[in-house]
Amino acid sequence: MNSPEVIHAMLGHPPRDPRTIAVIGLSANPDKPSHYVPAYMQHHGYRILPVNPLVEEVLGERSYPTLADLPSRPDVVNVFRLPKFIPAIVEEMLELGFKNLWVQQGIVHQEAAQRAEAGGIWVVMDRCIMVEHRFAGLA
């Protein structure tokens, strides 16, 4: 978990290596990290698929109620939800065969991370995808 190799593999190199990021909990409020972090990633060539049943559209993309409702398979599932929601997200990812879970900084659920890794999911937890993107020199 959180190895530099996994982080680098999840981020890829848009635009030559396009990546789609499903963002669970993406907010329509531009003052929240759950909005401006995905907006930053979108600005840097990533396609963002919002997953939030309370929002119809955000960042110019239709929002979907669940991962199962997405129109295409994301390369990464990026989570902006409380730790108590992480186990259910991991179970849904396992059912759908999604392979990359990124849980934002300040959100930790070790048991869910272990379950995900045991099921073949790569996990980055308690790290900001925007910060790591900048740190990797991809900006």
C-alpha atoms as a PDB file:
ATOM      1  CA  MET A   1       0.000   0.000   0.000  1.00  0.00           C
ATOM      2  CA  ASN A   2       1.170   3.518  -0.890  1.00  0.00           C
ATOM      3  CA  SER A   3       4.299   2.334  -2.693  1.00  0.00           C
ATOM      4  CA  PRO A   4       5.797   4.822  -5.160  1.00  0.00           C
ATOM      5  CA  GLU A   5       5.413   2.222  -7.930  1.00  0.00           C
ATOM      6  CA  VAL A   6       1.684   1.816  -7.286  1.00  0.00           C
ATOM      7  CA  ILE A   7       1.158   5.580  -7.083  1.00  0.00           C
ATOM      8  CA  HIS A   8       3.041   6.117 -10.342  1.00  0.00           C
ATOM      9  CA  ALA A   9       1.167   3.281 -12.093  1.00  0.00           C
ATOM     10  CA  MET A  10      -2.211   4.675 -11.031  1.00  0.00           C
ATOM     11  CA  LEU A  11      -1.379   8.196 -12.180  1.00  0.00           C
ATOM     12  CA  GLY A  12      -0.063   7.179 -15.603  1.00  0.00           C
ATOM     13  CA  HIS A  13       1.040   9.881 -18.059  1.00  0.00           C
ATOM     14  CA  PRO A  14      -1.913  11.702 -19.665  1.00  0.00           C
ATOM     15  CA  PRO A  15      -2.402  12.497 -22.474  1.00  0.00           C
ATOM     16  CA  ARG A  16      -0.256   9.699 -23.943  1.00  0.00           C
ATOM     17  CA  ASP A  17      -1.538   7.277 -21.288  1.00  0.00           C
ATOM     18  CA  PRO A  18      -5.135   8.446 -20.708  1.00  0.00           C
ATOM     19  CA  ARG A  19      -6.675   7.674 -17.354  1.00  0.00           C
ATOM     20  CA  THR A  20     -10.255   7.712 -16.181  1.00  0.00           C
ATOM     21  CA  ILE A  21     -10.886   8.437 -12.516  1.00  0.00           C
ATOM     22  CA  ALA A  22     -14.233   7.645 -10.905  1.00  0.00           C
ATOM     23  CA  VAL A  23     -14.553  10.083  -7.989  1.00  0.00           C
ATOM     24  CA  ILE A  24     -16.848   8.893  -5.217  1.00  0.00           C
ATOM     25  CA  GLY A  25     -18.211  11.850  -3.278  1.00  0.00           C
ATOM     26  CA  LEU A  26     -17.325  14.494  -5.859  1.00  0.00           C
ATOM     27  CA  SER A  27     -18.906  17.745  -4.687  1.00  0.00           C
ATOM     28  CA  ALA A  28     -20.469  20.524  -6.754  1.00  0.00           C
ATOM     29  CA  ASN A  29     -19.067  23.049  -4.236  1.00  0.00           C
ATOM     30  CA  PRO A  30     -15.820  24.457  -5.729  1.00  0.00           C
ATOM     31  CA  ASP A  31     -14.521  25.368  -2.251  1.00  0.00           C
ATOM     32  CA  LYS A  32     -14.317  21.710  -1.172  1.00  0.00           C
ATOM     33  CA  PRO A  33     -11.325  19.456  -1.826  1.00  0.00           C
ATOM     34  CA  SER A  34     -13.792  16.902  -3.228  1.00  0.00           C
ATOM     35  CA  HIS A  35     -14.356  19.393  -6.062  1.00  0.00           C
ATOM     36  CA  TYR A  36     -11.093  21.214  -6.665  1.00  0.00           C
ATOM     37  CA  VAL A  37      -8.887  18.106  -6.478  1.00  0.00           C
ATOM     38  CA  PRO A  38     -10.832  16.306  -9.265  1.00  0.00           C
ATOM     39  CA  ALA A  39     -10.990  19.609 -11.190  1.00  0.00           C
ATOM     40  CA  TYR A  40      -7.186  19.790 -11.013  1.00  0.00           C
ATOM     41  CA  MET A  41      -6.885  16.204 -12.281  1.00  0.00           C
ATOM     42  CA  GLN A  42      -9.346  16.934 -15.101  1.00  0.00           C
ATOM     43  CA  HIS A  43      -7.321  20.001 -16.058  1.00  0.00           C
ATOM     44  CA  HIS A  44      -4.260  17.751 -16.337  1.00  0.00           C
ATOM     45  CA  GLY A  45      -5.809  15.356 -18.837  1.00  0.00           C
ATOM     46  CA  TYR A  46      -7.702  12.855 -16.708  1.00  0.00           C
ATOM     47  CA  ARG A  47     -11.318  12.017 -17.473  1.00  0.00           C
ATOM     48  CA  ILE A  48     -13.423  12.385 -14.344  1.00  0.00           C
ATOM     49  CA  LEU A  49     -16.531  10.274 -13.732  1.00  0.00           C
ATOM     50  CA  PRO A  50     -18.449  11.722 -10.751  1.00  0.00           C
ATOM     51  CA  VAL A  51     -20.097   9.202  -8.426  1.00  0.00           C
ATOM     52  CA  ASN A  52     -22.568  11.022  -6.216  1.00  0.00           C
ATOM     53  CA  PRO A  53     -26.315  10.302  -6.132  1.00  0.00           C
ATOM     54  CA  LEU A  54     -27.021  13.836  -4.851  1.00  0.00           C
ATOM     55  CA  VAL A  55     -25.481  15.627  -7.843  1.00  0.00           C
ATOM     56  CA  GLU A  56     -26.778  15.498 -11.414  1.00  0.00           C
ATOM     57  CA  GLU A  57     -23.741  16.964 -13.168  1.00  0.00           C
ATOM     58  CA  VAL A  58     -20.381  18.350 -12.085  1.00  0.00           C
ATOM     59  CA  LEU A  59     -17.204  19.387 -13.923  1.00  0.00           C
ATOM     60  CA  GLY A  60     -19.138  19.050 -17.176  1.00  0.00           C
ATOM     61  CA  GLU A  61     -19.752  15.334 -16.576  1.00  0.00           C
ATOM     62  CA  ARG A  62     -22.930  13.480 -15.701  1.00  0.00           C
ATOM     63  CA  SER A  63     -22.866  12.138 -12.151  1.00  0.00           C
ATOM     64  CA  TYR A  64     -23.723   8.505 -11.425  1.00  0.00           C
ATOM     65  CA  PRO A  65     -25.312   7.127  -8.257  1.00  0.00           C
ATOM     66  CA  THR A  66     -22.949   4.129  -7.873  1.00  0.00           C
ATOM     67  CA  LEU A  67     -19.872   2.566  -9.426  1.00  0.00           C
ATOM     68  CA  ALA A  68     -22.101  -0.051 -11.052  1.00  0.00           C
ATOM     69  CA  ASP A  69     -23.902   2.726 -12.966  1.00  0.00           C
ATOM     70  CA  LEU A  70     -20.765   4.067 -14.664  1.00  0.00           C
ATOM     71  CA  PRO A  71     -20.777   3.984 -18.499  1.00  0.00           C
ATOM     72  CA  SER A  72     -17.192   2.702 -18.634  1.00  0.00           C
ATOM     73  CA  ARG A  73     -14.611   1.019 -16.448  1.00  0.00           C
ATOM     74  CA  PRO A  74     -12.447   3.558 -14.576  1.00  0.00           C
ATOM     75  CA  ASP A  75      -8.711   3.134 -14.255  1.00  0.00           C
ATOM     76  CA  VAL A  76      -8.830   4.452 -10.686  1.00  0.00           C
ATOM     77  CA  VAL A  77     -11.560   4.831  -8.067  1.00  0.00           C
ATOM     78  CA  ASN A  78     -10.786   7.954  -6.000  1.00  0.00           C
ATOM     79  CA  VAL A  79     -12.718   8.234  -2.728  1.00  0.00           C
ATOM     80  CA  PHE A  80     -13.811  11.348  -0.815  1.00  0.00           C
ATOM     81  CA  ARG A  81     -16.045   9.641   1.769  1.00  0.00           C
ATOM     82  CA  LEU A  82     -15.844   8.962   5.493  1.00  0.00           C
ATOM     83  CA  PRO A  83     -13.899   5.848   6.561  1.00  0.00           C
ATOM     84  CA  LYS A  84     -17.102   3.990   7.474  1.00  0.00           C
ATOM     85  CA  PHE A  85     -18.052   3.900   3.759  1.00  0.00           C
ATOM     86  CA  ILE A  86     -14.781   2.389   2.534  1.00  0.00           C
ATOM     87  CA  PRO A  87     -15.628  -1.304   3.196  1.00  0.00           C
ATOM     88  CA  ALA A  88     -18.788  -1.129   1.030  1.00  0.00           C
ATOM     89  CA  ILE A  89     -16.825   0.640  -1.721  1.00  0.00           C
ATOM     90  CA  VAL A  90     -14.196  -2.114  -1.627  1.00  0.00           C
ATOM     91  CA  GLU A  91     -16.897  -4.797  -1.877  1.00  0.00           C
ATOM     92  CA  GLU A  92     -18.469  -3.041  -4.866  1.00  0.00           C
ATOM     93  CA  MET A  93     -15.057  -2.748  -6.533  1.00  0.00           C
ATOM     94  CA  LEU A  94     -14.420  -6.462  -5.976  1.00  0.00           C
ATOM     95  CA  GLU A  95     -17.798  -7.347  -7.507  1.00  0.00           C
ATOM     96  CA  LEU A  96     -17.118  -5.131 -10.534  1.00  0.00           C
ATOM     97  CA  GLY A  97     -13.493  -6.177 -10.976  1.00  0.00           C
ATOM     98  CA  PHE A  98     -12.059  -2.664 -10.547  1.00  0.00           C
ATOM     99  CA  LYS A  99      -8.348  -2.786  -9.716  1.00  0.00           C
ATOM    100  CA  ASN A 100      -7.153   0.581  -8.363  1.00  0.00           C
ATOM    101  CA  LEU A 101      -8.410   2.275  -5.189  1.00  0.00           C
ATOM    102  CA  TRP A 102      -7.171   5.716  -4.118  1.00  0.00           C
ATOM    103  CA  VAL A 103      -8.518   6.945  -0.770  1.00  0.00           C
ATOM    104  CA  GLN A 104      -7.884  10.639  -0.146  1.00  0.00           C
ATOM    105  CA  GLN A 105      -5.711  12.142   2.552  1.00  0.00           C
ATOM    106  CA  GLY A 106      -7.181  11.934   6.042  1.00  0.00           C
ATOM    107  CA  ILE A 107      -9.357   8.918   5.224  1.00  0.00           C
ATOM    108  CA  VAL A 108      -8.116   5.598   6.623  1.00  0.00           C
ATOM    109  CA  HIS A 109      -9.706   2.168   6.972  1.00  0.00           C
ATOM    110  CA  GLN A 110      -6.970  -0.451   7.348  1.00  0.00           C
ATOM    111  CA  GLU A 111      -9.284  -3.481   7.334  1.00  0.00           C
ATOM    112  CA  ALA A 112     -10.878  -2.366   4.067  1.00  0.00           C
ATOM    113  CA  ALA A 113      -7.422  -1.783   2.560  1.00  0.00           C
ATOM    114  CA  GLN A 114      -6.360  -5.297   3.565  1.00  0.00           C
ATOM    115  CA  ARG A 115      -9.564  -6.767   2.101  1.00  0.00           C
ATOM    116  CA  ALA A 116      -8.997  -4.847  -1.134  1.00  0.00           C
ATOM    117  CA  GLU A 117      -5.370  -5.960  -1.457  1.00  0.00           C
ATOM    118  CA  ALA A 118      -6.316  -9.567  -0.688  1.00  0.00           C
ATOM    119  CA  GLY A 119      -8.820  -9.322  -3.549  1.00  0.00           C
ATOM    120  CA  GLY A 120      -6.206  -8.058  -6.012  1.00  0.00           C
ATOM    121  CA  ILE A 121      -6.905  -4.322  -5.755  1.00  0.00           C
ATOM    122  CA  TRP A 122      -3.967  -1.914  -5.575  1.00  0.00           C
ATOM    123  CA  VAL A 123      -4.513   0.582  -2.766  1.00  0.00           C
ATOM    124  CA  VAL A 124      -3.269   4.082  -2.061  1.00  0.00           C
ATOM    125  CA  MET A 125      -4.728   5.394   1.201  1.00  0.00           C
ATOM    126  CA  ASP A 126      -4.424   8.633   3.163  1.00  0.00           C
ATOM    127  CA  ARG A 127      -2.742  10.409   0.241  1.00  0.00           C
ATOM    128  CA  CYS A 128      -3.985  13.299  -1.889  1.00  0.00           C
ATOM    129  CA  ILE A 129      -4.027  12.399  -5.578  1.00  0.00           C
ATOM    130  CA  MET A 130      -3.409  16.043  -6.543  1.00  0.00           C
ATOM    131  CA  VAL A 131      -0.369  16.353  -4.260  1.00  0.00           C
ATOM    132  CA  GLU A 132       1.055  13.051  -5.486  1.00  0.00           C
ATOM    133  CA  HIS A 133       0.481  14.112  -9.106  1.00  0.00           C
ATOM    134  CA  ARG A 134       2.466  17.307  -8.475  1.00  0.00           C
ATOM    135  CA  PHE A 135       5.164  15.422  -6.544  1.00  0.00           C
ATOM    136  CA  ALA A 136       5.565  12.934  -9.409  1.00  0.00           C
ATOM    137  CA  GLY A 137       6.319  15.841 -11.729  1.00  0.00           C
ATOM    138  CA  LEU A 138       3.320  15.137 -13.956  1.00  0.00           C
ATOM    139  CA  ALA A 139       1.844  18.629 -13.640  1.00  0.00           C
END
